[in-house]
C-alpha cells in the first residue's frame, strides 16, 4: 500500500499543478472602459412630463472587476458634465448655469466605489460616493454583470435627489416644476 501511495503522490502533485495553472490562465479581470460603447442616461419629470438626456464623455480613473472575486472590485468613474445632451440646445445652455450644474466651476461628476455586494445570478450592488457640483452623497446602486466575448457589461439604474446636490438653486430649489428625483440608467462596457 505504501508503494502505491508513493507512486500516486507525483501524479497528484502534477494534477494539482496543472489544474492550478489552468485556473489562473482562465482568470479574467475587466480593467479597461470602452467609453464609446458605454452610455449614461438620465430621466426626470418637468411639469409632470418625462424628460430625458444623456452624457457622452466618461472615463474610468480606476477599474478592476474579477467575476471570480467581485468583492475586491474597485471602480471610479468620471463624467464630463459639459457632454450633457438635455434634449434640446436651450436646455443644454440652461443646465450649465450656476443654478443647475455650475459646469464651469464643477466640470466633472464622479462615482467612487467603496463596497460591492454579490446578490446572486449575476446581480450585484455597489455602494460608493456620488459627487456632483461639489456635493457628495453615499449611494447604493444595483447592477447586473454579463460577459460577452472579451467584454464585461454592467447595466443598472438608480435614483438620486437633485436637492442633495444643490442641482436647481434659487427659483429652481423647489420641486413643483422640476421633480427632485433624477433617474440614472447606465450600460458600462469594459474589456479585459
N, C-alpha and C. Protein backbone atom coordinates (compact mmCIF):
# COMPACT_ATOMS: atom_id res chain seq x y z
N UNK A 1 0.83 -1.19 0.00
CA UNK A 1 0.00 0.00 0.00
C UNK A 1 0.87 1.26 0.00
N UNK A 2 2.00 1.19 0.73
CA UNK A 2 2.89 2.33 0.81
C UNK A 2 3.49 2.64 -0.56
N UNK A 3 3.83 1.61 -1.32
CA UNK A 3 4.41 1.78 -2.65
C UNK A 3 3.39 2.45 -3.57
N UNK A 4 2.14 2.03 -3.49
CA UNK A 4 1.08 2.61 -4.32
C UNK A 4 0.91 4.10 -4.02
N UNK A 5 0.89 4.47 -2.73
CA UNK A 5 0.77 5.88 -2.34
C UNK A 5 1.96 6.70 -2.83
N UNK A 6 3.17 6.10 -2.77
CA UNK A 6 4.35 6.81 -3.24
C UNK A 6 4.29 7.04 -4.74
N UNK A 7 3.71 6.11 -5.48
CA UNK A 7 3.57 6.28 -6.92
C UNK A 7 2.51 7.33 -7.26
N UNK A 8 1.47 7.40 -6.45
CA UNK A 8 0.37 8.33 -6.72
C UNK A 8 0.70 9.78 -6.33
N UNK A 9 1.65 9.96 -5.40
CA UNK A 9 1.97 11.31 -4.95
C UNK A 9 2.44 12.21 -6.10
N UNK A 10 3.36 11.76 -6.96
CA UNK A 10 3.76 12.63 -8.08
C UNK A 10 2.62 12.91 -9.05
N UNK A 11 1.75 11.91 -9.25
CA UNK A 11 0.61 12.10 -10.14
C UNK A 11 -0.34 13.15 -9.54
N UNK A 12 -0.59 13.05 -8.24
CA UNK A 12 -1.48 14.01 -7.58
C UNK A 12 -0.88 15.41 -7.64
N UNK A 13 0.43 15.51 -7.41
CA UNK A 13 1.10 16.81 -7.46
C UNK A 13 1.02 17.40 -8.88
N UNK A 14 1.29 16.59 -9.88
CA UNK A 14 1.22 17.06 -11.27
C UNK A 14 -0.19 17.50 -11.62
N UNK A 15 -1.19 16.75 -11.17
CA UNK A 15 -2.59 17.11 -11.43
C UNK A 15 -2.93 18.44 -10.76
N UNK A 16 -2.53 18.60 -9.51
CA UNK A 16 -2.83 19.84 -8.79
C UNK A 16 -2.16 21.03 -9.46
N UNK A 17 -0.91 20.86 -9.88
CA UNK A 17 -0.21 21.96 -10.56
C UNK A 17 -0.86 22.29 -11.89
N UNK A 18 -1.27 21.28 -12.62
CA UNK A 18 -1.93 21.51 -13.91
C UNK A 18 -3.25 22.24 -13.72
N UNK A 19 -4.05 21.78 -12.76
CA UNK A 19 -5.34 22.44 -12.51
C UNK A 19 -5.14 23.87 -12.05
N UNK A 20 -4.14 24.09 -11.20
CA UNK A 20 -3.86 25.45 -10.73
C UNK A 20 -3.45 26.36 -11.87
N UNK A 21 -2.65 25.84 -12.79
CA UNK A 21 -2.23 26.62 -13.95
C UNK A 21 -3.41 26.94 -14.85
N UNK A 22 -4.26 25.94 -15.08
CA UNK A 22 -5.43 26.17 -15.93
C UNK A 22 -6.36 27.19 -15.31
N UNK A 23 -6.57 27.10 -14.01
CA UNK A 23 -7.47 28.04 -13.33
C UNK A 23 -6.93 29.46 -13.43
N UNK A 24 -5.64 29.65 -13.16
CA UNK A 24 -5.11 31.01 -13.22
C UNK A 24 -5.02 31.51 -14.66
N UNK A 25 -4.86 30.60 -15.62
CA UNK A 25 -4.83 31.03 -17.02
C UNK A 25 -6.19 31.55 -17.47
N UNK A 26 -7.26 31.08 -16.85
CA UNK A 26 -8.60 31.50 -17.24
C UNK A 26 -9.16 32.60 -16.34
N UNK A 27 -8.35 33.07 -15.38
CA UNK A 27 -8.82 34.16 -14.53
C UNK A 27 -8.98 35.41 -15.40
N UNK A 28 -10.05 36.12 -15.20
CA UNK A 28 -10.38 37.28 -16.03
C UNK A 28 -10.55 38.49 -15.13
N UNK A 29 -9.96 39.58 -15.54
CA UNK A 29 -10.19 40.84 -14.84
C UNK A 29 -10.51 41.89 -15.88
N UNK A 30 -11.61 42.58 -15.66
CA UNK A 30 -12.01 43.66 -16.55
C UNK A 30 -11.46 44.95 -15.98
N UNK A 31 -10.63 45.64 -16.77
CA UNK A 31 -9.97 46.83 -16.23
C UNK A 31 -9.85 47.99 -17.21
N UNK A 32 -10.49 47.87 -18.38
CA UNK A 32 -10.44 48.96 -19.36
C UNK A 32 -11.87 49.34 -19.75
N UNK A 33 -12.20 50.60 -19.62
CA UNK A 33 -13.52 51.10 -20.00
C UNK A 33 -13.57 51.32 -21.51
N UNK A 34 -14.61 50.82 -22.15
CA UNK A 34 -14.88 51.14 -23.56
C UNK A 34 -15.90 52.28 -23.56
N UNK A 35 -15.39 53.50 -23.50
CA UNK A 35 -16.26 54.68 -23.37
C UNK A 35 -17.19 54.85 -24.56
N UNK A 36 -16.72 54.50 -25.75
CA UNK A 36 -17.55 54.65 -26.96
C UNK A 36 -18.77 53.74 -26.93
N UNK A 37 -18.61 52.55 -26.35
CA UNK A 37 -19.71 51.58 -26.31
C UNK A 37 -20.60 51.76 -25.08
N UNK A 38 -20.15 52.55 -24.12
CA UNK A 38 -20.88 52.74 -22.86
C UNK A 38 -21.86 53.90 -22.97
N UNK A 39 -22.85 53.90 -22.08
CA UNK A 39 -23.82 55.01 -22.07
C UNK A 39 -24.30 55.30 -20.66
N UNK A 40 -24.53 56.58 -20.41
CA UNK A 40 -25.17 57.04 -19.17
C UNK A 40 -26.28 57.99 -19.58
N UNK A 41 -27.50 57.65 -19.19
CA UNK A 41 -28.65 58.49 -19.50
C UNK A 41 -29.33 58.90 -18.20
N UNK A 42 -30.15 59.95 -18.28
CA UNK A 42 -30.89 60.39 -17.10
C UNK A 42 -32.32 60.72 -17.51
N UNK A 43 -33.21 60.64 -16.52
CA UNK A 43 -34.62 60.97 -16.75
C UNK A 43 -35.15 61.69 -15.52
N UNK A 44 -36.07 62.62 -15.76
CA UNK A 44 -36.69 63.37 -14.67
C UNK A 44 -38.05 63.85 -15.16
N UNK A 45 -38.79 64.46 -14.27
CA UNK A 45 -40.11 64.97 -14.63
C UNK A 45 -40.11 66.49 -14.51
N UNK A 46 -40.58 67.16 -15.55
CA UNK A 46 -40.73 68.61 -15.54
C UNK A 46 -42.19 68.93 -15.86
N UNK A 47 -42.87 69.55 -14.92
CA UNK A 47 -44.31 69.83 -15.05
C UNK A 47 -45.08 68.56 -15.43
N UNK A 48 -44.70 67.46 -14.73
CA UNK A 48 -45.32 66.14 -14.91
C UNK A 48 -45.11 65.54 -16.30
N UNK A 49 -44.14 66.05 -17.04
CA UNK A 49 -43.78 65.49 -18.34
C UNK A 49 -42.40 64.85 -18.21
N UNK A 50 -42.28 63.60 -18.64
CA UNK A 50 -40.99 62.92 -18.55
C UNK A 50 -40.01 63.53 -19.55
N UNK A 51 -38.84 63.86 -19.05
CA UNK A 51 -37.76 64.42 -19.86
C UNK A 51 -36.56 63.48 -19.70
N UNK A 52 -35.71 63.47 -20.70
CA UNK A 52 -34.52 62.64 -20.57
C UNK A 52 -33.35 63.25 -21.31
N UNK A 53 -32.19 62.71 -21.04
CA UNK A 53 -30.97 63.19 -21.67
C UNK A 53 -29.85 62.20 -21.48
N UNK A 54 -28.65 62.62 -21.87
CA UNK A 54 -27.51 61.70 -21.78
C UNK A 54 -26.21 62.48 -21.63
N UNK A 55 -25.18 61.74 -21.28
CA UNK A 55 -23.81 62.26 -21.23
C UNK A 55 -22.98 61.43 -22.21
N UNK A 56 -22.12 62.09 -22.97
CA UNK A 56 -21.35 61.37 -23.98
C UNK A 56 -19.88 61.17 -23.63
N UNK A 57 -19.40 61.80 -22.56
CA UNK A 57 -17.98 61.66 -22.20
C UNK A 57 -17.84 61.12 -20.79
N UNK A 58 -17.25 59.94 -20.69
CA UNK A 58 -16.95 59.38 -19.38
C UNK A 58 -15.63 58.64 -19.45
N UNK A 59 -14.98 58.52 -18.31
CA UNK A 59 -13.74 57.76 -18.24
C UNK A 59 -13.63 57.11 -16.87
N UNK A 60 -12.88 56.03 -16.84
CA UNK A 60 -12.62 55.33 -15.58
C UNK A 60 -11.23 55.73 -15.11
N UNK A 61 -11.14 56.27 -13.91
CA UNK A 61 -9.83 56.56 -13.33
C UNK A 61 -9.32 55.36 -12.54
N UNK A 62 -10.23 54.44 -12.22
CA UNK A 62 -9.87 53.17 -11.59
C UNK A 62 -10.93 52.16 -11.99
N UNK A 63 -10.49 50.98 -12.40
CA UNK A 63 -11.44 49.93 -12.80
C UNK A 63 -10.78 48.57 -12.66
N UNK A 64 -11.29 47.77 -11.76
CA UNK A 64 -10.83 46.39 -11.56
C UNK A 64 -12.05 45.57 -11.18
N UNK A 65 -12.42 44.60 -12.02
CA UNK A 65 -13.54 43.71 -11.70
C UNK A 65 -13.19 42.30 -12.14
N UNK A 66 -13.06 41.41 -11.17
CA UNK A 66 -12.82 39.99 -11.41
C UNK A 66 -14.09 39.25 -11.01
N UNK A 67 -14.81 38.66 -11.97
CA UNK A 67 -16.07 37.97 -11.64
C UNK A 67 -15.89 36.86 -10.60
N UNK A 68 -14.67 36.30 -10.50
CA UNK A 68 -14.42 35.25 -9.51
C UNK A 68 -14.22 35.84 -8.11
N UNK A 69 -13.89 37.12 -8.03
CA UNK A 69 -13.68 37.79 -6.75
C UNK A 69 -14.31 39.19 -6.79
N UNK A 70 -15.61 39.27 -6.97
CA UNK A 70 -16.24 40.59 -7.14
C UNK A 70 -16.12 41.50 -5.93
N UNK A 71 -15.97 40.91 -4.74
CA UNK A 71 -15.88 41.74 -3.54
C UNK A 71 -14.59 42.56 -3.51
N UNK A 72 -13.62 42.25 -4.36
CA UNK A 72 -12.37 43.02 -4.41
C UNK A 72 -12.42 44.12 -5.48
N UNK A 73 -13.53 44.24 -6.16
CA UNK A 73 -13.65 45.20 -7.27
C UNK A 73 -13.50 46.64 -6.80
N UNK A 74 -12.99 47.46 -7.68
CA UNK A 74 -12.87 48.90 -7.45
C UNK A 74 -13.27 49.61 -8.74
N UNK A 75 -13.99 50.70 -8.58
CA UNK A 75 -14.35 51.50 -9.75
C UNK A 75 -14.41 52.97 -9.36
N UNK A 76 -13.89 53.80 -10.23
CA UNK A 76 -14.02 55.25 -10.10
C UNK A 76 -14.30 55.78 -11.51
N UNK A 77 -15.45 56.38 -11.68
CA UNK A 77 -15.90 56.87 -12.99
C UNK A 77 -16.02 58.39 -12.92
N UNK A 78 -15.57 59.05 -13.97
CA UNK A 78 -15.74 60.50 -14.12
C UNK A 78 -16.62 60.76 -15.34
N UNK A 79 -17.57 61.67 -15.18
CA UNK A 79 -18.45 62.08 -16.27
C UNK A 79 -18.21 63.57 -16.52
N UNK A 80 -17.89 63.91 -17.76
CA UNK A 80 -17.72 65.32 -18.14
C UNK A 80 -19.11 65.93 -18.28
N UNK A 81 -19.47 66.83 -17.37
CA UNK A 81 -20.82 67.40 -17.38
C UNK A 81 -21.06 68.25 -18.63
N UNK A 82 -20.00 68.76 -19.23
CA UNK A 82 -20.17 69.55 -20.46
C UNK A 82 -20.62 68.69 -21.63
N UNK A 83 -20.57 67.37 -21.48
CA UNK A 83 -21.01 66.47 -22.56
C UNK A 83 -22.50 66.17 -22.48
N UNK A 84 -23.22 66.91 -21.64
CA UNK A 84 -24.66 66.68 -21.46
C UNK A 84 -25.44 67.01 -22.73
N UNK A 85 -26.42 66.18 -23.00
CA UNK A 85 -27.43 66.47 -24.02
C UNK A 85 -28.77 66.36 -23.31
N UNK A 86 -29.35 67.49 -22.98
CA UNK A 86 -30.62 67.52 -22.23
C UNK A 86 -31.83 67.49 -23.15
N UNK A 87 -31.61 67.24 -24.43
CA UNK A 87 -32.73 67.06 -25.34
C UNK A 87 -32.92 68.17 -26.35
N UNK A 88 -32.50 69.38 -25.99
CA UNK A 88 -32.59 70.49 -26.95
C UNK A 88 -31.58 71.57 -26.54
N UNK A 89 -31.10 72.37 -27.50
CA UNK A 89 -29.99 73.30 -27.25
C UNK A 89 -30.24 74.28 -26.10
N UNK A 90 -31.44 74.84 -25.98
CA UNK A 90 -31.71 75.79 -24.89
C UNK A 90 -31.54 75.13 -23.52
N UNK A 91 -31.96 73.89 -23.42
CA UNK A 91 -31.81 73.16 -22.15
C UNK A 91 -30.34 72.93 -21.83
N UNK A 92 -29.54 72.65 -22.84
CA UNK A 92 -28.10 72.44 -22.62
C UNK A 92 -27.43 73.70 -22.09
N UNK A 93 -27.84 74.86 -22.58
CA UNK A 93 -27.30 76.14 -22.10
C UNK A 93 -27.77 76.39 -20.66
N UNK A 94 -29.04 76.18 -20.40
CA UNK A 94 -29.62 76.43 -19.07
C UNK A 94 -29.00 75.54 -18.00
N UNK A 95 -28.85 74.25 -18.31
CA UNK A 95 -28.36 73.30 -17.31
C UNK A 95 -26.92 73.57 -16.90
N UNK A 96 -26.15 74.25 -17.77
CA UNK A 96 -24.75 74.56 -17.46
C UNK A 96 -24.62 75.70 -16.46
N UNK A 97 -25.68 76.49 -16.27
CA UNK A 97 -25.63 77.68 -15.40
C UNK A 97 -25.44 77.31 -13.93
N UNK A 98 -25.02 78.33 -13.16
CA UNK A 98 -24.72 78.13 -11.74
C UNK A 98 -25.88 77.55 -10.95
N UNK A 99 -27.11 77.93 -11.29
CA UNK A 99 -28.27 77.43 -10.54
C UNK A 99 -28.44 75.92 -10.70
N UNK A 100 -27.98 75.38 -11.79
CA UNK A 100 -28.16 73.96 -12.07
C UNK A 100 -26.87 73.19 -11.81
N UNK A 101 -26.07 72.93 -12.82
CA UNK A 101 -24.87 72.11 -12.63
C UNK A 101 -23.59 72.92 -12.40
N UNK A 102 -23.63 74.23 -12.66
CA UNK A 102 -22.44 75.08 -12.49
C UNK A 102 -21.22 74.42 -13.15
N UNK A 103 -21.37 74.11 -14.42
CA UNK A 103 -20.37 73.31 -15.12
C UNK A 103 -19.01 74.00 -15.18
N UNK A 104 -18.98 75.31 -15.27
CA UNK A 104 -17.69 76.00 -15.31
C UNK A 104 -16.89 75.77 -14.03
N UNK A 105 -17.55 75.82 -12.87
CA UNK A 105 -16.87 75.62 -11.59
C UNK A 105 -16.73 74.14 -11.23
N UNK A 106 -17.64 73.31 -11.71
CA UNK A 106 -17.66 71.88 -11.36
C UNK A 106 -17.85 71.04 -12.63
N UNK A 107 -16.79 70.91 -13.44
CA UNK A 107 -16.95 70.27 -14.75
C UNK A 107 -17.12 68.75 -14.73
N UNK A 108 -16.82 68.12 -13.59
CA UNK A 108 -16.80 66.66 -13.53
C UNK A 108 -17.72 66.16 -12.41
N UNK A 109 -18.50 65.12 -12.70
CA UNK A 109 -19.22 64.36 -11.68
C UNK A 109 -18.48 63.04 -11.52
N UNK A 110 -18.41 62.52 -10.30
CA UNK A 110 -17.66 61.29 -10.07
C UNK A 110 -18.48 60.28 -9.27
N UNK A 111 -18.17 59.01 -9.50
CA UNK A 111 -18.65 57.94 -8.63
C UNK A 111 -17.45 57.10 -8.27
N UNK A 112 -17.23 56.88 -6.97
CA UNK A 112 -16.12 56.08 -6.48
C UNK A 112 -16.65 55.01 -5.55
N UNK A 113 -16.41 53.75 -5.90
CA UNK A 113 -16.95 52.64 -5.11
C UNK A 113 -16.22 52.47 -3.79
N UNK A 114 -16.95 51.95 -2.80
CA UNK A 114 -16.35 51.60 -1.52
C UNK A 114 -16.66 50.15 -1.14
N UNK A 115 -17.70 49.56 -1.75
CA UNK A 115 -18.11 48.19 -1.40
C UNK A 115 -18.94 47.59 -2.53
N UNK A 116 -18.70 46.31 -2.80
CA UNK A 116 -19.50 45.56 -3.77
C UNK A 116 -20.09 44.37 -3.05
N UNK A 117 -21.37 44.15 -3.24
CA UNK A 117 -22.06 43.02 -2.62
C UNK A 117 -22.63 42.12 -3.71
N UNK A 118 -22.39 40.81 -3.57
CA UNK A 118 -22.92 39.83 -4.52
C UNK A 118 -24.34 39.48 -4.10
N UNK A 119 -25.29 39.63 -5.04
CA UNK A 119 -26.69 39.30 -4.76
C UNK A 119 -27.07 37.95 -5.38
N UNK A 120 -26.28 37.46 -6.31
CA UNK A 120 -26.53 36.18 -6.96
C UNK A 120 -27.11 36.34 -8.35
N UNK A 121 -26.91 35.31 -9.17
CA UNK A 121 -27.46 35.27 -10.53
C UNK A 121 -26.95 36.43 -11.40
N UNK A 122 -25.70 36.83 -11.21
CA UNK A 122 -25.15 37.93 -12.00
C UNK A 122 -25.57 39.30 -11.51
N UNK A 123 -26.27 39.36 -10.37
CA UNK A 123 -26.73 40.63 -9.81
C UNK A 123 -25.85 41.03 -8.63
N UNK A 124 -25.57 42.32 -8.55
CA UNK A 124 -24.70 42.87 -7.52
C UNK A 124 -25.28 44.21 -7.09
N UNK A 125 -24.68 44.75 -6.04
CA UNK A 125 -24.92 46.16 -5.73
C UNK A 125 -23.60 46.77 -5.26
N UNK A 126 -23.38 47.98 -5.71
CA UNK A 126 -22.17 48.70 -5.36
C UNK A 126 -22.57 49.92 -4.55
N UNK A 127 -21.83 50.16 -3.49
CA UNK A 127 -22.02 51.37 -2.69
C UNK A 127 -20.79 52.25 -2.89
N UNK A 128 -21.03 53.54 -3.00
CA UNK A 128 -19.93 54.46 -3.18
C UNK A 128 -20.39 55.89 -3.08
N UNK A 129 -19.47 56.80 -3.29
CA UNK A 129 -19.76 58.24 -3.21
C UNK A 129 -20.04 58.79 -4.60
N UNK A 130 -21.19 59.43 -4.73
CA UNK A 130 -21.55 60.16 -5.94
C UNK A 130 -21.32 61.64 -5.64
N UNK A 131 -20.45 62.28 -6.43
CA UNK A 131 -20.12 63.69 -6.21
C UNK A 131 -20.53 64.50 -7.44
N UNK A 132 -21.37 65.50 -7.19
CA UNK A 132 -21.84 66.39 -8.25
C UNK A 132 -21.85 67.81 -7.68
N UNK A 133 -21.30 68.73 -8.43
CA UNK A 133 -21.37 70.15 -8.07
C UNK A 133 -20.79 70.42 -6.68
N UNK A 134 -19.73 69.69 -6.32
CA UNK A 134 -19.07 69.90 -5.05
C UNK A 134 -19.76 69.27 -3.86
N UNK A 135 -20.80 68.49 -4.08
CA UNK A 135 -21.53 67.82 -3.01
C UNK A 135 -21.45 66.31 -3.21
N UNK A 136 -21.21 65.58 -2.11
CA UNK A 136 -21.09 64.12 -2.18
C UNK A 136 -22.12 63.46 -1.29
N UNK A 137 -22.65 62.34 -1.78
CA UNK A 137 -23.59 61.52 -1.02
C UNK A 137 -23.23 60.05 -1.28
N UNK A 138 -23.43 59.22 -0.28
CA UNK A 138 -23.27 57.79 -0.47
C UNK A 138 -24.52 57.25 -1.16
N UNK A 139 -24.32 56.45 -2.21
CA UNK A 139 -25.44 55.84 -2.92
C UNK A 139 -25.16 54.35 -3.07
N UNK A 140 -26.24 53.57 -3.12
CA UNK A 140 -26.14 52.14 -3.38
C UNK A 140 -26.83 51.87 -4.70
N UNK A 141 -26.10 51.23 -5.61
CA UNK A 141 -26.55 51.07 -6.99
C UNK A 141 -26.63 49.58 -7.34
N UNK A 142 -27.83 49.07 -7.64
CA UNK A 142 -27.92 47.68 -8.11
C UNK A 142 -27.48 47.60 -9.57
N UNK A 143 -26.82 46.49 -9.92
CA UNK A 143 -26.44 46.31 -11.32
C UNK A 143 -26.35 44.83 -11.66
N UNK A 144 -26.39 44.57 -12.95
CA UNK A 144 -26.23 43.22 -13.48
C UNK A 144 -24.95 43.19 -14.29
N UNK A 145 -24.20 42.11 -14.15
CA UNK A 145 -22.96 41.93 -14.90
C UNK A 145 -23.11 40.74 -15.84
N UNK A 146 -22.76 40.93 -17.11
CA UNK A 146 -22.76 39.84 -18.08
C UNK A 146 -21.45 39.88 -18.87
N UNK A 147 -21.03 38.71 -19.31
CA UNK A 147 -19.83 38.62 -20.14
C UNK A 147 -20.25 38.32 -21.57
N UNK A 148 -19.60 39.00 -22.51
CA UNK A 148 -19.89 38.81 -23.93
C UNK A 148 -18.57 38.88 -24.68
N UNK A 149 -18.02 37.72 -25.04
CA UNK A 149 -16.71 37.70 -25.66
C UNK A 149 -15.67 38.23 -24.70
N UNK A 150 -14.89 39.22 -25.13
CA UNK A 150 -13.88 39.83 -24.26
C UNK A 150 -14.45 40.99 -23.44
N UNK A 151 -15.73 41.25 -23.58
CA UNK A 151 -16.35 42.38 -22.89
C UNK A 151 -17.06 41.95 -21.61
N UNK A 152 -17.00 42.81 -20.63
CA UNK A 152 -17.82 42.70 -19.43
C UNK A 152 -18.78 43.88 -19.44
N UNK A 153 -20.06 43.61 -19.29
CA UNK A 153 -21.07 44.67 -19.41
C UNK A 153 -21.81 44.81 -18.08
N UNK A 154 -21.84 46.03 -17.56
CA UNK A 154 -22.53 46.36 -16.32
C UNK A 154 -23.74 47.22 -16.68
N UNK A 155 -24.93 46.77 -16.32
CA UNK A 155 -26.15 47.54 -16.60
C UNK A 155 -26.90 47.75 -15.29
N UNK A 156 -27.47 48.93 -15.14
CA UNK A 156 -28.22 49.20 -13.93
C UNK A 156 -28.92 50.54 -13.98
N UNK A 157 -29.57 50.82 -12.87
CA UNK A 157 -30.37 52.04 -12.76
C UNK A 157 -30.46 52.41 -11.29
N UNK A 158 -30.45 53.70 -11.01
CA UNK A 158 -30.66 54.18 -9.64
C UNK A 158 -31.23 55.59 -9.69
N UNK A 159 -31.76 56.02 -8.58
CA UNK A 159 -32.36 57.36 -8.48
C UNK A 159 -31.65 58.13 -7.37
N UNK A 160 -31.38 59.40 -7.63
CA UNK A 160 -30.88 60.28 -6.58
C UNK A 160 -31.75 61.53 -6.54
N UNK A 161 -31.60 62.29 -5.47
CA UNK A 161 -32.38 63.52 -5.29
C UNK A 161 -31.51 64.72 -5.65
N UNK A 162 -31.97 65.50 -6.62
CA UNK A 162 -31.17 66.63 -7.08
C UNK A 162 -30.94 67.65 -5.98
N UNK A 163 -31.89 67.76 -5.05
CA UNK A 163 -31.74 68.69 -3.94
C UNK A 163 -30.53 68.39 -3.06
N UNK A 164 -30.16 67.10 -2.96
CA UNK A 164 -28.99 66.72 -2.17
C UNK A 164 -27.69 67.27 -2.75
N UNK A 165 -27.71 67.62 -4.02
CA UNK A 165 -26.52 68.10 -4.71
C UNK A 165 -26.64 69.57 -5.13
N UNK A 166 -27.70 70.23 -4.66
CA UNK A 166 -27.95 71.64 -5.00
C UNK A 166 -28.08 71.85 -6.51
N UNK A 167 -28.65 70.87 -7.19
CA UNK A 167 -28.93 71.00 -8.62
C UNK A 167 -30.31 71.65 -8.74
N UNK A 168 -30.31 72.90 -9.11
CA UNK A 168 -31.54 73.69 -9.10
C UNK A 168 -31.58 74.54 -7.85
N UNK A 169 -30.98 75.72 -7.91
CA UNK A 169 -30.94 76.62 -6.76
C UNK A 169 -31.78 77.85 -7.06
N UNK A 170 -31.94 78.69 -6.04
CA UNK A 170 -32.72 79.91 -6.20
C UNK A 170 -34.16 79.59 -6.54
N UNK A 171 -34.66 80.18 -7.62
CA UNK A 171 -36.05 79.96 -8.03
C UNK A 171 -36.33 78.50 -8.36
N UNK A 172 -35.29 77.71 -8.62
CA UNK A 172 -35.46 76.30 -9.01
C UNK A 172 -35.26 75.34 -7.85
N UNK A 173 -35.11 75.86 -6.62
CA UNK A 173 -34.85 74.97 -5.49
C UNK A 173 -36.08 74.18 -5.06
N UNK A 174 -37.26 74.63 -5.43
CA UNK A 174 -38.48 73.85 -5.15
C UNK A 174 -38.63 72.74 -6.17
N UNK A 175 -39.57 71.83 -5.90
CA UNK A 175 -39.73 70.67 -6.76
C UNK A 175 -41.08 70.63 -7.45
N UNK A 176 -41.78 71.77 -7.50
CA UNK A 176 -43.09 71.83 -8.14
C UNK A 176 -43.01 71.78 -9.65
N UNK A 177 -41.99 72.40 -10.22
CA UNK A 177 -41.86 72.42 -11.68
C UNK A 177 -40.95 71.28 -12.15
N UNK A 178 -39.77 71.19 -11.54
CA UNK A 178 -38.83 70.11 -11.87
C UNK A 178 -38.74 69.20 -10.65
N UNK A 179 -39.06 67.94 -10.85
CA UNK A 179 -39.09 66.97 -9.74
C UNK A 179 -37.72 66.81 -9.11
N UNK A 180 -37.71 66.38 -7.86
CA UNK A 180 -36.48 66.16 -7.12
C UNK A 180 -35.75 64.89 -7.58
N UNK A 181 -36.50 63.90 -8.02
CA UNK A 181 -35.92 62.60 -8.37
C UNK A 181 -35.30 62.63 -9.77
N UNK A 182 -34.07 62.18 -9.85
CA UNK A 182 -33.36 62.03 -11.12
C UNK A 182 -32.99 60.55 -11.24
N UNK A 183 -33.44 59.92 -12.31
CA UNK A 183 -33.10 58.52 -12.53
C UNK A 183 -31.92 58.42 -13.49
N UNK A 184 -30.96 57.61 -13.11
CA UNK A 184 -29.78 57.36 -13.94
C UNK A 184 -29.84 55.92 -14.42
N UNK A 185 -29.68 55.73 -15.72
CA UNK A 185 -29.57 54.39 -16.32
C UNK A 185 -28.19 54.30 -16.96
N UNK A 186 -27.54 53.16 -16.80
CA UNK A 186 -26.20 53.04 -17.37
C UNK A 186 -25.96 51.67 -17.97
N UNK A 187 -25.12 51.68 -18.97
CA UNK A 187 -24.54 50.47 -19.54
C UNK A 187 -23.06 50.75 -19.71
N UNK A 188 -22.27 50.13 -18.87
CA UNK A 188 -20.83 50.34 -18.88
C UNK A 188 -20.18 49.11 -19.49
N UNK A 189 -19.48 49.31 -20.60
CA UNK A 189 -18.83 48.22 -21.30
C UNK A 189 -17.33 48.27 -20.99
N UNK A 190 -16.80 47.13 -20.56
CA UNK A 190 -15.39 47.04 -20.19
C UNK A 190 -14.71 45.93 -20.97
N UNK A 191 -13.40 46.00 -21.00
CA UNK A 191 -12.59 44.98 -21.69
C UNK A 191 -11.57 44.40 -20.72
N UNK A 192 -11.10 43.21 -21.06
CA UNK A 192 -10.10 42.53 -20.23
C UNK A 192 -8.75 43.23 -20.33
